[in-house]
């Protein structure tokens, strides 16, 4: 189930994954092309983030990402150059799909948080823009 985020690009949306609870514990799963709208070519996870630290702070012109809080919580700011929103992520079965060309910044990590990121492309340093003003200028040029 996809829910469009208010005040953001229509391609940036939350997704709730199928979860199967029973007496042995809970299992949550994600299917490529259905829950995550792309084939996953790279996985990484973020953890042990100090309380005041941020992660992200960039946009990627080539890859899309699906971001999930496996444990704990954090806030995520998304910005497509015209619209923006901040979401509090605290449910392991609910993530956010970030399309290529969207600025994102993760902050306010709860102690013990583990964040999983699935990407549709391998890492490519040249595809990133790490300065917000540069991002805004490049966004205007791409429109």
Protein backbone atom coordinates (compact mmCIF):
# COMPACT_ATOMS: atom_id res chain seq x y z
CA UNK A 1 0.00 0.00 0.00
CA UNK A 2 1.54 3.33 -1.04
CA UNK A 3 0.53 6.62 0.50
CA UNK A 4 1.55 9.87 -1.18
CA UNK A 5 3.33 12.25 1.15
CA UNK A 6 1.75 15.67 1.59
CA UNK A 7 3.69 18.55 0.03
CA UNK A 8 6.26 16.31 -1.67
CA UNK A 9 6.93 14.96 -5.10
CA UNK A 10 4.30 12.36 -6.03
CA UNK A 11 7.05 9.79 -6.56
CA UNK A 12 8.25 10.10 -2.96
CA UNK A 13 5.92 7.95 -0.90
CA UNK A 14 5.68 5.73 2.11
CA UNK A 15 5.16 2.02 1.73
CA UNK A 16 3.78 -0.43 4.29
CA UNK A 17 5.11 -3.95 3.95
CA UNK A 18 3.32 -7.23 4.55
CA UNK A 19 3.87 -8.45 8.12
CA UNK A 20 3.07 -11.90 9.48
CA UNK A 21 2.98 -12.10 13.29
CA UNK A 22 2.69 -15.37 15.19
CA UNK A 23 3.83 -16.93 18.45
CA UNK A 24 7.38 -17.35 17.04
CA UNK A 25 7.75 -13.64 16.28
CA UNK A 26 7.03 -11.31 13.40
CA UNK A 27 8.20 -11.60 9.79
CA UNK A 28 8.05 -8.63 7.40
CA UNK A 29 8.86 -9.00 3.71
CA UNK A 30 9.33 -6.77 0.67
CA UNK A 31 8.96 -7.77 -2.96
CA UNK A 32 10.86 -5.98 -5.72
CA UNK A 33 8.62 -4.25 -8.28
CA UNK A 34 5.64 -4.52 -5.91
CA UNK A 35 6.56 -3.09 -2.51
CA UNK A 36 9.89 -1.66 -3.63
CA UNK A 37 9.34 -0.36 -7.19
CA UNK A 38 12.76 -1.39 -8.50
CA UNK A 39 15.22 -4.29 -8.48
CA UNK A 40 17.54 -4.03 -5.47
CA UNK A 41 21.20 -3.85 -6.55
CA UNK A 42 22.70 -2.56 -3.28
CA UNK A 43 21.88 -2.85 0.41
CA UNK A 44 23.45 -0.97 3.28
CA UNK A 45 22.50 -0.23 6.85
CA UNK A 46 23.20 2.68 9.15
CA UNK A 47 23.66 2.20 12.89
CA UNK A 48 25.53 3.53 15.95
CA UNK A 49 24.69 7.08 14.85
CA UNK A 50 25.50 9.63 17.60
CA UNK A 51 22.46 11.51 18.93
CA UNK A 52 23.20 14.85 17.22
CA UNK A 53 24.63 13.41 13.98
CA UNK A 54 22.90 13.37 10.59
CA UNK A 55 23.19 11.01 7.66
CA UNK A 56 22.40 11.56 4.01
CA UNK A 57 22.48 15.27 3.29
CA UNK A 58 22.59 14.65 -0.44
CA UNK A 59 20.66 13.80 -3.56
CA UNK A 60 21.56 11.17 -6.11
CA UNK A 61 20.75 11.85 -9.76
CA UNK A 62 20.89 8.17 -10.80
CA UNK A 63 19.53 5.93 -8.06
CA UNK A 64 16.34 5.46 -6.11
CA UNK A 65 16.29 4.20 -2.54
CA UNK A 66 13.87 2.54 -0.15
CA UNK A 67 14.63 3.41 3.49
CA UNK A 68 13.32 1.46 6.50
CA UNK A 69 13.82 1.85 10.27
CA UNK A 70 14.48 -1.77 11.24
CA UNK A 71 14.93 -0.80 14.88
CA UNK A 72 14.46 2.53 16.67
CA UNK A 73 13.54 5.76 14.94
CA UNK A 74 14.77 8.77 12.99
CA UNK A 75 13.39 11.74 11.06
CA UNK A 76 13.85 12.04 7.32
CA UNK A 77 13.62 15.30 5.39
CA UNK A 78 12.89 14.95 1.66
CA UNK A 79 13.00 17.77 -0.89
CA UNK A 80 12.57 17.69 -4.67
CA UNK A 81 13.49 21.37 -5.13
CA UNK A 82 9.85 22.50 -5.09
CA UNK A 83 8.17 20.49 -2.34
CA UNK A 84 9.46 19.10 0.93
CA UNK A 85 8.36 17.18 4.02
CA UNK A 86 9.78 15.68 7.19
CA UNK A 87 8.59 12.27 8.34
CA UNK A 88 9.23 10.47 11.59
CA UNK A 89 10.17 6.88 10.79
CA UNK A 90 9.59 4.45 13.66
CA UNK A 91 7.85 1.34 12.29
CA UNK A 92 9.98 -1.49 10.81
CA UNK A 93 7.21 -2.40 8.36
CA UNK A 94 6.93 1.13 6.96
CA UNK A 95 9.54 2.73 4.73
CA UNK A 96 9.89 5.58 2.31
CA UNK A 97 10.68 5.39 -1.40
CA UNK A 98 13.10 8.14 -2.47
CA UNK A 99 13.33 8.53 -6.26
CA UNK A 100 16.47 9.77 -8.02
CA UNK A 101 16.89 13.54 -7.78
CA UNK A 102 15.40 14.00 -4.30
CA UNK A 103 17.44 15.52 -1.47
CA UNK A 104 17.23 13.58 1.79
CA UNK A 105 18.60 14.13 5.27
CA UNK A 106 18.22 11.71 8.18
CA UNK A 107 18.39 13.11 11.71
CA UNK A 108 17.23 12.66 15.31
CA UNK A 109 18.36 9.04 15.53
CA UNK A 110 17.12 7.26 18.64
CA UNK A 111 19.87 5.33 20.44
CA UNK A 112 20.12 1.80 19.03
CA UNK A 113 18.49 2.66 15.70
CA UNK A 114 19.22 0.48 12.68
CA UNK A 115 18.23 1.92 9.29
CA UNK A 116 18.17 -0.30 6.18
CA UNK A 117 18.57 1.24 2.71
CA UNK A 118 17.89 -0.62 -0.55
CA UNK A 119 19.11 1.02 -3.77
CA UNK A 120 18.45 0.31 -7.44
CA UNK A 121 22.07 1.11 -8.40
CA UNK A 122 25.54 0.27 -7.09
CA UNK A 123 27.41 3.09 -5.35
CA UNK A 124 28.63 5.82 -7.72
CA UNK A 125 30.22 8.85 -6.06
CA UNK A 126 29.86 10.98 -9.20
CA UNK A 127 26.05 10.69 -9.11
CA UNK A 128 25.77 12.48 -5.73
CA UNK A 129 25.35 16.16 -5.05
CA UNK A 130 26.32 16.94 -1.45
CA UNK A 131 25.71 20.68 -1.26
CA UNK A 132 22.10 21.81 -0.88
CA UNK A 133 22.55 25.07 -2.85
CA UNK A 134 24.19 23.13 -5.69
CA UNK A 135 21.26 20.70 -5.57
CA UNK A 136 18.74 23.54 -5.91
CA UNK A 137 20.67 25.07 -8.84
CA UNK A 138 20.98 21.71 -10.59
CA UNK A 139 17.30 20.99 -9.99
CA UNK A 140 16.34 24.23 -11.73
CA UNK A 141 18.62 23.34 -14.67
CA UNK A 142 17.00 19.89 -15.01
CA UNK A 143 13.45 21.27 -15.24
